[in-house]
Amino acid sequence: MTVYHLNLFNDDDVLDEEGQDFADLDAAEREAIRNARDVIAEHVRHGMPIDLNHRLEIVDGDGTILKVVRFGDCVYFKH
């Protein structure tokens, strides 16, 4: 297991100081997508605007950005 930090950058930036153990970067990315969708859902429930450029950054213990998950990449719209 490797510790990855999921830093949230939206209306209020939240740095993940402790990190979480994940089997690999793909597992950390799945969790970041789930977290982004949770934040988006919360905004929808409260009638708040959703900024599709908000993001989660997956970083290692040294602070190196390994992957960026943008909110816009986590939702799909059909007209």
N, C-alpha and C. Protein backbone atom coordinates (compact mmCIF):
# COMPACT_ATOMS: atom_id res chain seq x y z
N MET A 1 0.85 -1.19 0.00
CA MET A 1 0.00 0.00 0.00
C MET A 1 0.89 1.24 0.00
N THR A 2 0.39 2.24 -0.67
CA THR A 2 1.10 3.50 -0.78
C THR A 2 0.19 4.61 -0.27
N VAL A 3 0.77 5.60 0.40
CA VAL A 3 -0.01 6.74 0.88
C VAL A 3 -0.08 7.79 -0.22
N TYR A 4 -1.30 8.17 -0.55
CA TYR A 4 -1.56 9.25 -1.49
C TYR A 4 -2.39 10.30 -0.78
N HIS A 5 -2.19 11.55 -1.16
CA HIS A 5 -2.95 12.67 -0.60
C HIS A 5 -3.88 13.19 -1.68
N LEU A 6 -5.16 13.39 -1.30
CA LEU A 6 -6.17 13.90 -2.23
C LEU A 6 -6.50 15.33 -1.83
N ASN A 7 -5.87 16.28 -2.50
CA ASN A 7 -6.06 17.69 -2.18
C ASN A 7 -7.19 18.25 -3.02
N LEU A 8 -8.16 18.88 -2.35
CA LEU A 8 -9.34 19.43 -3.01
C LEU A 8 -9.15 20.92 -3.25
N PHE A 9 -9.39 21.33 -4.49
CA PHE A 9 -9.31 22.75 -4.84
C PHE A 9 -10.66 23.14 -5.43
N ASN A 10 -11.49 23.73 -4.58
CA ASN A 10 -12.78 24.25 -5.02
C ASN A 10 -13.02 25.57 -4.30
N ASP A 11 -14.26 25.84 -3.88
CA ASP A 11 -14.53 27.11 -3.20
C ASP A 11 -13.67 27.28 -1.96
N ASP A 12 -13.42 26.18 -1.27
CA ASP A 12 -12.53 26.16 -0.11
C ASP A 12 -11.47 25.08 -0.37
N ASP A 13 -10.23 25.47 -0.50
CA ASP A 13 -9.17 24.49 -0.75
C ASP A 13 -8.91 23.69 0.53
N VAL A 14 -8.82 22.37 0.37
CA VAL A 14 -8.60 21.48 1.51
C VAL A 14 -7.44 20.57 1.18
N LEU A 15 -6.34 20.73 1.92
CA LEU A 15 -5.17 19.88 1.72
C LEU A 15 -5.27 18.67 2.63
N ASP A 16 -5.07 17.51 2.05
CA ASP A 16 -5.13 16.23 2.77
C ASP A 16 -3.78 16.02 3.46
N GLU A 17 -3.68 16.43 4.69
CA GLU A 17 -2.41 16.37 5.42
C GLU A 17 -1.99 14.94 5.77
N GLU A 18 -2.95 14.09 6.08
CA GLU A 18 -2.64 12.73 6.53
C GLU A 18 -2.46 11.75 5.39
N GLY A 19 -3.25 11.89 4.33
CA GLY A 19 -3.20 10.94 3.23
C GLY A 19 -3.95 9.68 3.56
N GLN A 20 -4.05 8.81 2.56
CA GLN A 20 -4.75 7.54 2.70
C GLN A 20 -3.94 6.46 1.99
N ASP A 21 -4.05 5.25 2.50
CA ASP A 21 -3.40 4.11 1.85
C ASP A 21 -4.25 3.61 0.69
N PHE A 22 -3.64 3.46 -0.47
CA PHE A 22 -4.29 2.88 -1.63
C PHE A 22 -3.35 1.85 -2.24
N ALA A 23 -3.94 0.87 -2.89
CA ALA A 23 -3.14 -0.18 -3.53
C ALA A 23 -2.25 0.39 -4.63
N ASP A 24 -2.76 1.39 -5.34
CA ASP A 24 -2.00 1.99 -6.44
C ASP A 24 -2.64 3.32 -6.83
N LEU A 25 -2.05 3.98 -7.81
CA LEU A 25 -2.55 5.28 -8.26
C LEU A 25 -3.96 5.17 -8.84
N ASP A 26 -4.26 4.07 -9.53
CA ASP A 26 -5.61 3.89 -10.09
C ASP A 26 -6.66 3.86 -8.98
N ALA A 27 -6.37 3.21 -7.89
CA ALA A 27 -7.30 3.15 -6.75
C ALA A 27 -7.48 4.55 -6.15
N ALA A 28 -6.41 5.30 -6.05
CA ALA A 28 -6.49 6.67 -5.53
C ALA A 28 -7.31 7.54 -6.48
N GLU A 29 -7.15 7.33 -7.78
CA GLU A 29 -7.93 8.10 -8.75
C GLU A 29 -9.42 7.77 -8.64
N ARG A 30 -9.77 6.51 -8.47
CA ARG A 30 -11.18 6.14 -8.30
C ARG A 30 -11.78 6.84 -7.08
N GLU A 31 -11.02 6.91 -6.01
CA GLU A 31 -11.50 7.60 -4.80
C GLU A 31 -11.63 9.10 -5.04
N ALA A 32 -10.70 9.69 -5.77
CA ALA A 32 -10.77 11.12 -6.09
C ALA A 32 -12.01 11.42 -6.93
N ILE A 33 -12.32 10.55 -7.89
CA ILE A 33 -13.52 10.73 -8.71
C ILE A 33 -14.76 10.63 -7.84
N ARG A 34 -14.80 9.65 -6.95
CA ARG A 34 -15.94 9.51 -6.04
C ARG A 34 -16.11 10.75 -5.17
N ASN A 35 -14.98 11.27 -4.65
CA ASN A 35 -15.03 12.48 -3.82
C ASN A 35 -15.54 13.68 -4.62
N ALA A 36 -15.05 13.83 -5.85
CA ALA A 36 -15.49 14.94 -6.70
C ALA A 36 -16.99 14.85 -6.95
N ARG A 37 -17.49 13.65 -7.24
CA ARG A 37 -18.92 13.47 -7.48
C ARG A 37 -19.73 13.76 -6.23
N ASP A 38 -19.20 13.44 -5.07
CA ASP A 38 -19.89 13.76 -3.81
C ASP A 38 -20.01 15.27 -3.63
N VAL A 39 -18.95 16.00 -3.92
CA VAL A 39 -18.98 17.46 -3.80
C VAL A 39 -19.96 18.05 -4.80
N ILE A 40 -19.94 17.55 -6.03
CA ILE A 40 -20.86 18.02 -7.07
C ILE A 40 -22.30 17.76 -6.62
N ALA A 41 -22.58 16.56 -6.11
CA ALA A 41 -23.93 16.22 -5.66
C ALA A 41 -24.38 17.14 -4.54
N GLU A 42 -23.49 17.46 -3.64
CA GLU A 42 -23.82 18.37 -2.54
C GLU A 42 -24.19 19.75 -3.09
N HIS A 43 -23.48 20.21 -4.08
CA HIS A 43 -23.79 21.51 -4.70
C HIS A 43 -25.16 21.45 -5.36
N VAL A 44 -25.45 20.37 -6.06
CA VAL A 44 -26.75 20.22 -6.72
C VAL A 44 -27.87 20.24 -5.67
N ARG A 45 -27.70 19.49 -4.58
CA ARG A 45 -28.73 19.42 -3.53
C ARG A 45 -29.04 20.79 -2.93
N HIS A 46 -28.02 21.63 -2.87
CA HIS A 46 -28.21 22.95 -2.24
C HIS A 46 -28.39 24.08 -3.25
N GLY A 47 -28.54 23.73 -4.52
CA GLY A 47 -28.78 24.75 -5.55
C GLY A 47 -27.60 25.66 -5.78
N MET A 48 -26.40 25.17 -5.50
CA MET A 48 -25.18 25.97 -5.66
C MET A 48 -24.59 25.72 -7.05
N PRO A 49 -23.90 26.71 -7.60
CA PRO A 49 -23.27 26.50 -8.90
C PRO A 49 -22.14 25.48 -8.81
N ILE A 50 -21.90 24.80 -9.91
CA ILE A 50 -20.83 23.81 -9.99
C ILE A 50 -19.78 24.35 -10.95
N ASP A 51 -18.57 24.50 -10.46
CA ASP A 51 -17.45 24.93 -11.30
C ASP A 51 -16.75 23.68 -11.80
N LEU A 52 -16.90 23.39 -13.09
CA LEU A 52 -16.33 22.17 -13.66
C LEU A 52 -14.81 22.21 -13.72
N ASN A 53 -14.21 23.36 -13.43
CA ASN A 53 -12.75 23.46 -13.40
C ASN A 53 -12.17 23.17 -12.02
N HIS A 54 -13.04 23.05 -11.01
CA HIS A 54 -12.53 22.64 -9.69
C HIS A 54 -11.91 21.26 -9.83
N ARG A 55 -11.04 20.91 -8.88
CA ARG A 55 -10.26 19.68 -9.08
C ARG A 55 -9.81 19.08 -7.76
N LEU A 56 -9.40 17.82 -7.87
CA LEU A 56 -8.66 17.14 -6.83
C LEU A 56 -7.30 16.80 -7.41
N GLU A 57 -6.28 17.04 -6.64
CA GLU A 57 -4.93 16.64 -7.05
C GLU A 57 -4.49 15.48 -6.19
N ILE A 58 -4.01 14.44 -6.84
CA ILE A 58 -3.46 13.29 -6.13
C ILE A 58 -1.96 13.51 -6.07
N VAL A 59 -1.43 13.58 -4.85
CA VAL A 59 0.00 13.85 -4.67
C VAL A 59 0.62 12.77 -3.79
N ASP A 60 1.92 12.62 -3.95
CA ASP A 60 2.64 11.66 -3.11
C ASP A 60 3.12 12.36 -1.84
N GLY A 61 3.84 11.66 -1.02
CA GLY A 61 4.31 12.19 0.26
C GLY A 61 5.25 13.37 0.14
N ASP A 62 5.88 13.52 -1.04
CA ASP A 62 6.79 14.64 -1.28
C ASP A 62 6.07 15.84 -1.85
N GLY A 63 4.75 15.70 -2.11
CA GLY A 63 3.98 16.80 -2.68
C GLY A 63 3.99 16.84 -4.20
N THR A 64 4.55 15.82 -4.83
CA THR A 64 4.58 15.75 -6.29
C THR A 64 3.18 15.39 -6.80
N ILE A 65 2.67 16.19 -7.72
CA ILE A 65 1.36 15.93 -8.30
C ILE A 65 1.48 14.75 -9.25
N LEU A 66 0.69 13.70 -8.98
CA LEU A 66 0.71 12.50 -9.80
C LEU A 66 -0.45 12.45 -10.78
N LYS A 67 -1.56 13.06 -10.41
CA LYS A 67 -2.76 13.03 -11.26
C LYS A 67 -3.67 14.16 -10.84
N VAL A 68 -4.34 14.78 -11.82
CA VAL A 68 -5.34 15.81 -11.55
C VAL A 68 -6.69 15.29 -12.03
N VAL A 69 -7.68 15.35 -11.15
CA VAL A 69 -9.04 14.93 -11.48
C VAL A 69 -9.91 16.19 -11.45
N ARG A 70 -10.33 16.64 -12.63
CA ARG A 70 -11.18 17.82 -12.72
C ARG A 70 -12.65 17.42 -12.60
N PHE A 71 -13.43 18.28 -11.95
CA PHE A 71 -14.85 17.98 -11.77
C PHE A 71 -15.52 17.73 -13.11
N GLY A 72 -15.15 18.50 -14.12
CA GLY A 72 -15.75 18.37 -15.44
C GLY A 72 -15.53 17.01 -16.07
N ASP A 73 -14.50 16.29 -15.64
CA ASP A 73 -14.22 14.96 -16.17
C ASP A 73 -14.97 13.87 -15.40
N CYS A 74 -15.70 14.26 -14.36
CA CYS A 74 -16.36 13.28 -13.49
C CYS A 74 -17.87 13.20 -13.71
N VAL A 75 -18.40 14.09 -14.53
CA VAL A 75 -19.84 14.10 -14.80
C VAL A 75 -20.08 14.16 -16.30
N TYR A 76 -21.24 13.67 -16.69
CA TYR A 76 -21.62 13.65 -18.09
C TYR A 76 -23.04 14.20 -18.21
N PHE A 77 -23.24 15.03 -19.21
CA PHE A 77 -24.55 15.64 -19.41
C PHE A 77 -25.12 15.19 -20.75
N LYS A 78 -26.42 14.92 -20.73
CA LYS A 78 -27.11 14.52 -21.95
C LYS A 78 -28.23 15.51 -22.20
N HIS A 79 -28.32 15.98 -23.42
CA HIS A 79 -29.36 16.96 -23.77
C HIS A 79 -30.48 16.28 -24.53
